[in-house]
Amino acid sequence: MRSAGRWCALNRGWHFVMRAGMPIPLARLQAQHERLRGELEAAFYRVLDSSQFILGREVEAFEREFAAWCGARYVIGLGNGTDALALGLRALGVKPGDAVAVPAISFAATAEAVCLVGARPVFVDVEPAALTLDVASLHTAMKTQAIQAVVPVHLYGQPARMDAIVPLAQEFGAQVLEDAAQAHGASLQGRPVGCWGAAGAFSFYPTKNLGALGDAGALVTDCADVAERVRRLRDHGQVRKYEHIDLGTNSRLDALQAAWLRVKLPHLTTWNQRRRALAQRYRARLQDLPAIKPLEEFPDSVNVYHQFVIRCRNRPDLISSLRSRGIETAIHYPTPLHLLPAFAPWSRGSGSLPVAERACSEILALPLYPEMTEEEVDQVCSAIAAAKP
């Protein structure tokens, strides 16, 4: 179905124009895909003509191109981001019964992957500025129990404090696997995310900054041994056909998804820059509203704004008011991980991680995507001001 808008030439580029009065969604994938339709269709037919649908040349090419783009030596294409986390933990030597530290605010897959390898999640509080893993809380956890691995999350596109997390993990002999599922292209102190720890896990879920047209993921690493093991594990533990030396799984990146990701990857830097520009416009327009506080961007980092998230009072009323004006919002995430029923066996209960628990009652994601216009940002901000949050 064609997107409800049109593309027009503007300054030798392209600009998506929505009809007046149209709603403002949280994301607008149709606009992105409409612009790339010809290239995406050509990639589809290229794979169709090759009849090479599992791994093969398209996957190898994407792995090389993404490695060069994100500054890693090795990229292993996988079925999804959850598998990237789980196989990454296995490749780093995490075993059943081991303890793995994870922040309390993230998508469930971060802790789920720990459980899938038979390890146990140790939930750690987040710092209040950007809601990434709190180094002091991690230090406390590592002093009180043996932690074999740490999985910091680069939440909403903001890098966690890897400059403090990595040395702390090294001090206690723990491995670091970065959850970079929301942070394609983010960096801290000039160093890309995914390249601080022993490995980094990426998701290419369709709504990510770099999104496939279905599920897809990848593990990045500079370690040859980790890369070799993950390549085996994704393909049933094979080193050669019918020679299985590990108990692996089936998590091979589809050639079609790799081909479509190759179409999108050259645009990713521009898309991220656009996200950052729109985020700064949001900040400027919202700064005079005392009841609204955007999450902070660390001054030595590049946040790629997978989501633009604010903290607000009276969140239900604000959501309702914006909805009545056709503005979509979302809560990522309404419940901290340690209070989800799935993770009850490893939780210390309500009140144990107060920063995360309070934040989950206040956070709200506003619309943000590269095809969004400045006028739409202004419209959202005016609607927030009119709601008197």
Protein backbone atom coordinates (compact mmCIF):
# COMPACT_ATOMS: atom_id res chain seq x y z
CA MET A 1 0.00 0.00 0.00
CA ARG A 2 1.37 3.40 -0.95
CA SER A 3 2.20 5.84 1.83
CA ALA A 4 -0.33 8.62 2.42
CA GLY A 5 1.91 11.46 1.35
CA ARG A 6 4.24 12.40 -1.46
CA TRP A 7 7.94 12.92 -2.16
CA CYS A 8 9.14 16.17 -3.67
CA ALA A 9 12.56 17.45 -4.72
CA LEU A 10 14.12 19.87 -2.23
CA ASN A 11 17.68 21.19 -2.33
CA ARG A 12 18.82 18.32 -4.57
CA GLY A 13 17.54 15.87 -1.97
CA TRP A 14 14.12 14.53 -1.07
CA HIS A 15 11.59 15.64 1.44
CA PHE A 16 8.48 13.75 2.48
CA VAL A 17 5.39 15.98 2.60
CA MET A 18 2.37 14.85 4.58
CA ARG A 19 -1.07 16.23 3.88
CA ALA A 20 -2.23 18.91 6.30
CA GLY A 21 -3.99 17.64 9.38
CA MET A 22 -2.65 14.11 9.16
CA PRO A 23 -1.82 12.30 12.41
CA ILE A 24 1.79 12.14 13.59
CA PRO A 25 2.78 8.52 14.25
CA LEU A 26 5.61 7.32 16.45
CA ALA A 27 7.41 6.04 13.34
CA ARG A 28 6.76 6.21 9.61
CA LEU A 29 8.35 3.23 7.87
CA GLN A 30 6.20 3.61 4.77
CA ALA A 31 7.91 6.90 3.94
CA GLN A 32 11.38 5.39 4.18
CA HIS A 33 10.46 2.37 2.09
CA GLU A 34 8.65 4.42 -0.54
CA ARG A 35 11.82 6.41 -1.16
CA LEU A 36 13.90 3.24 -1.45
CA ARG A 37 11.31 1.16 -3.29
CA GLY A 38 13.30 0.78 -6.50
CA GLU A 39 16.49 -0.28 -4.73
CA LEU A 40 14.63 -2.67 -2.43
CA GLU A 41 12.86 -4.29 -5.36
CA ALA A 42 16.15 -4.64 -7.26
CA ALA A 43 17.74 -6.30 -4.21
CA PHE A 44 14.83 -8.72 -3.98
CA TYR A 45 15.16 -9.78 -7.60
CA ARG A 46 18.93 -10.08 -7.26
CA VAL A 47 18.48 -12.62 -4.49
CA LEU A 48 15.61 -14.33 -6.28
CA ASP A 49 17.72 -14.77 -9.40
CA SER A 50 20.63 -16.15 -7.37
CA SER A 51 18.45 -18.76 -5.58
CA GLN A 52 20.89 -18.39 -2.67
CA PHE A 53 18.56 -17.64 0.22
CA ILE A 54 20.51 -18.82 3.30
CA LEU A 55 23.84 -17.13 4.10
CA GLY A 56 25.91 -16.82 0.92
CA ARG A 57 27.22 -13.76 -0.92
CA GLU A 58 24.62 -11.22 0.24
CA VAL A 59 25.16 -12.06 3.89
CA GLU A 60 28.95 -12.04 3.52
CA ALA A 61 28.79 -8.66 1.77
CA PHE A 62 26.57 -7.16 4.46
CA GLU A 63 28.84 -8.50 7.19
CA ARG A 64 31.86 -6.81 5.56
CA GLU A 65 30.01 -3.55 4.98
CA PHE A 66 28.54 -3.33 8.48
CA ALA A 67 31.93 -4.20 10.01
CA ALA A 68 33.52 -1.32 8.12
CA TRP A 69 30.67 1.01 9.05
CA CYS A 70 30.73 0.32 12.79
CA GLY A 71 34.49 -0.17 13.17
CA ALA A 72 34.53 -3.86 14.14
CA ARG A 73 36.85 -6.57 12.80
CA TYR A 74 34.12 -9.21 12.57
CA VAL A 75 30.35 -9.19 12.05
CA ILE A 76 28.27 -12.36 12.19
CA GLY A 77 24.78 -12.02 10.73
CA LEU A 78 22.09 -13.72 12.82
CA GLY A 79 18.37 -14.32 12.83
CA ASN A 80 17.54 -11.59 15.38
CA GLY A 81 18.93 -9.46 18.18
CA THR A 82 17.88 -11.87 20.93
CA ASP A 83 20.01 -14.61 19.36
CA ALA A 84 22.88 -12.14 19.09
CA LEU A 85 22.74 -11.69 22.86
CA ALA A 86 22.32 -15.38 23.69
CA LEU A 87 24.97 -16.65 21.29
CA GLY A 88 27.28 -13.84 22.32
CA LEU A 89 27.00 -14.89 25.97
CA ARG A 90 27.72 -18.51 25.05
CA ALA A 91 30.72 -17.50 22.95
CA LEU A 92 32.08 -15.50 25.89
CA GLY A 93 31.94 -18.60 28.09
CA VAL A 94 28.81 -17.89 30.12
CA LYS A 95 27.50 -21.20 31.46
CA PRO A 96 24.29 -22.40 33.14
CA GLY A 97 24.14 -21.06 36.68
CA ASP A 98 26.46 -18.11 36.02
CA ALA A 99 25.40 -14.63 37.13
CA VAL A 100 25.03 -11.91 34.49
CA ALA A 101 24.41 -8.26 35.40
CA VAL A 102 21.76 -6.42 33.35
CA PRO A 103 20.15 -2.98 33.83
CA ALA A 104 16.58 -2.89 35.07
CA ILE A 105 15.32 -0.79 32.14
CA SER A 106 15.49 -2.48 28.77
CA PHE A 107 13.40 -4.64 26.49
CA ALA A 108 12.80 -8.07 28.03
CA ALA A 109 15.12 -9.76 25.52
CA THR A 110 18.17 -8.42 27.38
CA ALA A 111 17.40 -10.54 30.45
CA GLU A 112 15.63 -13.24 28.48
CA ALA A 113 18.84 -14.04 26.59
CA VAL A 114 20.62 -14.57 29.91
CA CYS A 115 17.96 -17.06 30.96
CA LEU A 116 18.04 -18.81 27.57
CA VAL A 117 21.66 -19.83 28.15
CA GLY A 118 20.78 -21.10 31.63
CA ALA A 119 22.42 -18.22 33.46
CA ARG A 120 20.69 -16.01 36.01
CA PRO A 121 20.12 -12.28 35.57
CA VAL A 122 21.31 -9.95 38.31
CA PHE A 123 19.27 -6.77 37.96
CA VAL A 124 21.13 -3.50 38.48
CA ASP A 125 19.67 -0.01 38.86
CA VAL A 126 20.09 2.75 36.26
CA GLU A 127 21.51 6.24 36.57
CA PRO A 128 18.83 8.98 36.56
CA ALA A 129 20.13 11.16 33.72
CA ALA A 130 19.85 8.84 30.71
CA LEU A 131 18.62 5.64 32.41
CA THR A 132 21.64 3.59 31.35
CA LEU A 133 23.32 1.10 33.68
CA ASP A 134 24.45 2.74 36.93
CA VAL A 135 28.14 2.10 37.58
CA ALA A 136 27.85 2.45 41.37
CA SER A 137 25.01 -0.08 41.49
CA LEU A 138 27.01 -2.45 39.30
CA HIS A 139 30.00 -2.09 41.63
CA THR A 140 27.84 -3.01 44.61
CA ALA A 141 26.50 -6.08 42.82
CA MET A 142 29.97 -7.21 41.83
CA LYS A 143 31.28 -6.85 45.38
CA THR A 144 28.50 -8.99 46.82
CA GLN A 145 28.47 -11.88 44.33
CA ALA A 146 30.47 -13.40 41.51
CA ILE A 147 29.38 -11.83 38.22
CA GLN A 148 30.63 -13.62 35.11
CA ALA A 149 29.35 -11.11 32.54
CA VAL A 150 27.83 -7.63 32.26
CA VAL A 151 25.32 -6.63 29.56
CA PRO A 152 25.10 -2.82 29.47
CA VAL A 153 22.30 -1.46 27.29
CA HIS A 154 22.75 1.61 25.08
CA LEU A 155 19.21 2.67 25.82
CA TYR A 156 17.20 4.67 23.25
CA GLY A 157 20.43 5.30 21.31
CA GLN A 158 22.42 6.78 24.25
CA PRO A 159 25.71 4.97 24.98
CA ALA A 160 26.09 3.62 28.50
CA ARG A 161 29.16 4.69 30.48
CA MET A 162 31.45 2.11 28.92
CA ASP A 163 34.53 4.07 30.00
CA ALA A 164 33.70 3.10 33.60
CA ILE A 165 31.86 -0.20 33.03
CA VAL A 166 34.64 -1.97 31.12
CA PRO A 167 37.43 -1.27 33.66
CA LEU A 168 35.13 -2.28 36.51
CA ALA A 169 34.26 -5.55 34.79
CA GLN A 170 37.93 -6.22 34.12
CA GLU A 171 38.73 -5.60 37.78
CA PHE A 172 36.30 -8.36 38.77
CA GLY A 173 37.14 -10.70 35.90
CA ALA A 174 33.80 -10.34 34.09
CA GLN A 175 33.16 -10.28 30.36
CA VAL A 176 31.24 -7.40 28.74
CA LEU A 177 28.64 -7.96 26.03
CA GLU A 178 27.07 -4.71 24.84
CA ASP A 179 23.36 -4.62 24.01
CA ALA A 180 23.50 -2.16 21.11
CA ALA A 181 20.10 -3.10 19.67
CA GLN A 182 18.93 0.54 19.83
CA ALA A 183 22.20 2.31 19.07
CA HIS A 184 23.46 1.75 15.51
CA GLY A 185 26.07 4.45 14.99
CA ALA A 186 26.20 5.77 18.56
CA SER A 187 29.59 6.43 20.10
CA LEU A 188 31.25 7.42 23.37
CA GLN A 189 34.44 9.48 23.38
CA GLY A 190 34.74 8.85 19.65
CA ARG A 191 34.58 5.06 19.99
CA PRO A 192 31.57 3.27 18.45
CA VAL A 193 29.25 1.22 20.62
CA GLY A 194 29.65 -2.50 20.18
CA CYS A 195 33.44 -2.08 20.15
CA TRP A 196 34.04 -1.36 23.84
CA GLY A 197 33.37 -4.80 25.29
CA ALA A 198 34.34 -8.26 24.11
CA ALA A 199 31.36 -8.20 21.71
CA GLY A 200 28.24 -6.23 20.84
CA ALA A 201 24.75 -7.42 19.91
CA PHE A 202 22.67 -5.56 17.32
CA SER A 203 19.05 -5.96 16.28
CA PHE A 204 17.73 -5.01 12.85
CA TYR A 205 14.06 -5.20 13.83
CA PRO A 206 12.13 -3.05 11.31
CA THR A 207 11.75 -0.01 13.58
CA LYS A 208 15.46 0.21 14.52
CA ASN A 209 17.64 2.99 13.12
CA LEU A 210 18.85 0.34 10.67
CA GLY A 211 15.85 -1.92 10.20
CA ALA A 212 15.33 -4.99 8.05
CA LEU A 213 11.98 -5.95 6.51
CA GLY A 214 11.57 -8.63 9.15
CA ASP A 215 13.65 -10.06 11.96
CA ALA A 216 17.45 -9.88 11.72
CA GLY A 217 20.44 -9.32 13.98
CA ALA A 218 24.21 -9.45 14.23
CA LEU A 219 27.07 -9.87 16.67
CA VAL A 220 30.13 -7.65 16.28
CA THR A 221 33.52 -8.39 17.85
CA ASP A 222 37.24 -7.84 17.44
CA CYS A 223 37.99 -11.31 18.82
CA ALA A 224 38.59 -14.02 16.20
CA ASP A 225 37.75 -16.84 18.62
CA VAL A 226 34.39 -15.28 19.55
CA ALA A 227 33.53 -14.70 15.89
CA GLU A 228 34.45 -18.27 14.94
CA ARG A 229 32.34 -19.76 17.72
CA VAL A 230 29.27 -17.64 16.93
CA ARG A 231 29.54 -18.59 13.26
CA ARG A 232 29.39 -22.24 14.33
CA LEU A 233 26.61 -21.75 16.85
CA ARG A 234 24.32 -19.96 14.37
CA ASP A 235 24.56 -22.95 11.99
CA HIS A 236 23.84 -25.92 14.27
CA GLY A 237 27.40 -26.00 15.63
CA GLN A 238 28.89 -27.05 12.29
CA VAL A 239 32.49 -26.48 11.25
CA ARG A 240 31.81 -28.24 7.95
CA LYS A 241 28.71 -29.82 6.50
CA TYR A 242 27.52 -32.60 8.84
CA GLU A 243 30.47 -32.05 11.20
CA HIS A 244 28.90 -30.67 14.37
CA ILE A 245 31.23 -29.88 17.27
CA ASP A 246 28.89 -27.67 19.33
CA LEU A 247 25.23 -27.85 20.27
CA GLY A 248 24.19 -24.86 18.21
CA THR A 249 20.96 -23.47 16.85
CA ASN A 250 19.47 -22.19 13.60
CA SER A 251 20.00 -18.44 13.55
CA ARG A 252 21.29 -17.64 10.08
CA LEU A 253 20.67 -14.20 8.63
CA ASP A 254 18.43 -14.55 5.55
CA ALA A 255 20.02 -13.43 2.29
CA LEU A 256 16.94 -11.31 1.51
CA GLN A 257 17.23 -9.42 4.77
CA ALA A 258 20.96 -8.93 4.22
CA ALA A 259 20.30 -7.55 0.73
CA TRP A 260 17.70 -5.10 2.03
CA LEU A 261 19.99 -4.03 4.87
CA ARG A 262 22.70 -3.34 2.29
CA VAL A 263 20.30 -0.95 0.55
CA LYS A 264 19.65 0.94 3.78
CA LEU A 265 23.13 0.99 5.31
CA PRO A 266 24.55 3.78 3.08
CA HIS A 267 21.74 6.06 4.30
CA LEU A 268 22.17 5.34 8.00
CA THR A 269 24.62 8.15 8.83
CA THR A 270 22.31 10.72 7.23
CA TRP A 271 19.28 9.26 9.00
CA ASN A 272 21.06 9.39 12.35
CA GLN A 273 22.10 13.00 11.76
CA ARG A 274 18.49 13.85 11.00
CA ARG A 275 17.33 12.16 14.20
CA ARG A 276 19.86 14.19 16.20
CA ALA A 277 18.77 17.46 14.58
CA LEU A 278 15.11 16.79 15.34
CA ALA A 279 16.00 15.80 18.91
CA GLN A 280 17.76 19.13 19.43
CA ARG A 281 14.68 20.93 18.13
CA TYR A 282 12.57 19.04 20.64
CA ARG A 283 14.97 20.05 23.43
CA ALA A 284 14.86 23.72 22.46
CA ARG A 285 11.05 23.78 22.26
CA LEU A 286 10.49 21.85 25.51
CA GLN A 287 13.04 23.58 27.72
CA ASP A 288 10.55 26.09 29.14
CA LEU A 289 8.06 23.43 30.26
CA PRO A 290 8.98 22.64 33.89
CA ALA A 291 6.89 19.46 34.03
CA ILE A 292 8.71 17.96 31.01
CA LYS A 293 12.31 16.76 31.17
CA PRO A 294 13.98 15.02 28.21
CA LEU A 295 16.51 12.36 29.10
CA GLU A 296 20.04 13.73 29.01
CA GLU A 297 22.68 13.21 26.35
CA PHE A 298 26.15 12.70 27.82
CA PRO A 299 28.41 15.52 26.51
CA ASP A 300 31.15 13.10 25.41
CA SER A 301 28.77 10.86 23.47
CA VAL A 302 26.86 10.72 20.21
CA ASN A 303 23.27 9.69 20.89
CA VAL A 304 21.49 8.42 17.77
CA TYR A 305 18.00 8.83 19.26
CA HIS A 306 16.33 5.56 18.44
CA GLN A 307 13.65 7.08 20.67
CA PHE A 308 13.21 10.61 21.98
CA VAL A 309 12.12 10.04 25.56
CA ILE A 310 10.89 12.53 28.12
CA ARG A 311 10.00 12.22 31.80
CA CYS A 312 6.69 13.82 32.68
CA ARG A 313 4.18 14.28 35.43
CA ASN A 314 0.60 13.13 34.87
CA ARG A 315 1.63 10.81 32.05
CA PRO A 316 -1.83 9.31 31.46
CA ASP A 317 -3.36 12.77 30.96
CA LEU A 318 -0.58 13.81 28.58
CA ILE A 319 -0.94 10.63 26.52
CA SER A 320 -4.70 11.16 26.27
CA SER A 321 -4.33 14.81 25.30
CA LEU A 322 -1.78 14.07 22.59
CA ARG A 323 -3.85 11.17 21.27
CA SER A 324 -6.85 13.47 20.90
CA ARG A 325 -4.69 15.63 18.63
CA GLY A 326 -3.59 12.67 16.51
CA ILE A 327 -0.13 12.37 18.06
CA GLU A 328 1.08 8.86 18.86
CA THR A 329 3.30 8.14 21.87
CA ALA A 330 4.66 5.00 23.51
CA ILE A 331 6.08 3.85 26.83
CA HIS A 332 9.41 2.06 26.52
CA TYR A 333 9.13 0.46 29.10
CA PRO A 334 6.19 0.58 31.55
CA THR A 335 7.64 -2.02 33.94
CA PRO A 336 11.28 -2.49 34.96
CA LEU A 337 12.64 -5.94 34.18
CA HIS A 338 12.92 -7.07 37.80
CA LEU A 339 9.18 -6.53 38.31
CA LEU A 340 8.04 -8.53 35.27
CA PRO A 341 6.49 -11.90 36.18
CA ALA A 342 8.86 -13.73 33.82
CA PHE A 343 11.86 -12.68 35.92
CA ALA A 344 10.30 -13.05 39.38
CA PRO A 345 12.67 -15.90 40.38
CA TRP A 346 15.64 -13.50 40.16
CA SER A 347 13.99 -10.36 41.53
CA ARG A 348 14.43 -8.74 44.93
CA GLY A 349 10.98 -7.24 44.56
CA SER A 350 9.41 -3.80 44.48
CA GLY A 351 11.54 -1.06 45.98
CA SER A 352 14.84 -2.82 45.34
CA LEU A 353 15.80 -0.65 42.33
CA PRO A 354 14.15 2.71 43.04
CA VAL A 355 15.58 4.81 40.21
CA ALA A 356 14.35 2.39 37.55
CA GLU A 357 10.98 1.94 39.23
CA ARG A 358 10.30 5.67 39.40
CA ALA A 359 11.52 6.26 35.85
CA CYS A 360 9.19 3.61 34.41
CA SER A 361 6.25 5.53 35.84
CA GLU A 362 7.33 8.77 34.11
CA ILE A 363 8.97 7.98 30.74
CA LEU A 364 7.23 8.64 27.44
CA ALA A 365 8.54 8.37 23.86
CA LEU A 366 7.52 11.08 21.42
CA PRO A 367 7.42 10.73 17.61
CA LEU A 368 10.87 10.78 16.01
CA TYR A 369 12.02 9.43 12.66
CA PRO A 370 14.23 10.75 9.85
CA GLU A 371 11.29 11.64 7.60
CA MET A 372 9.67 13.80 10.29
CA THR A 373 9.50 17.53 9.55
CA GLU A 374 10.47 20.42 11.81
CA GLU A 375 6.86 21.58 11.62
CA GLU A 376 5.69 18.24 13.01
CA VAL A 377 8.12 18.53 15.92
CA ASP A 378 6.74 22.00 16.60
CA GLN A 379 3.20 20.63 16.40
CA VAL A 380 4.00 17.95 19.01
CA CYS A 381 5.65 20.50 21.30
CA SER A 382 2.73 22.92 20.98
CA ALA A 383 0.33 20.10 21.82
CA ILE A 384 2.37 19.25 24.93
CA ALA A 385 2.35 22.89 26.03
CA ALA A 386 -1.40 23.11 25.47
CA ALA A 387 -1.93 20.01 27.57
CA LYS A 388 -0.30 21.77 30.55
CA PRO A 389 1.38 18.54 31.76
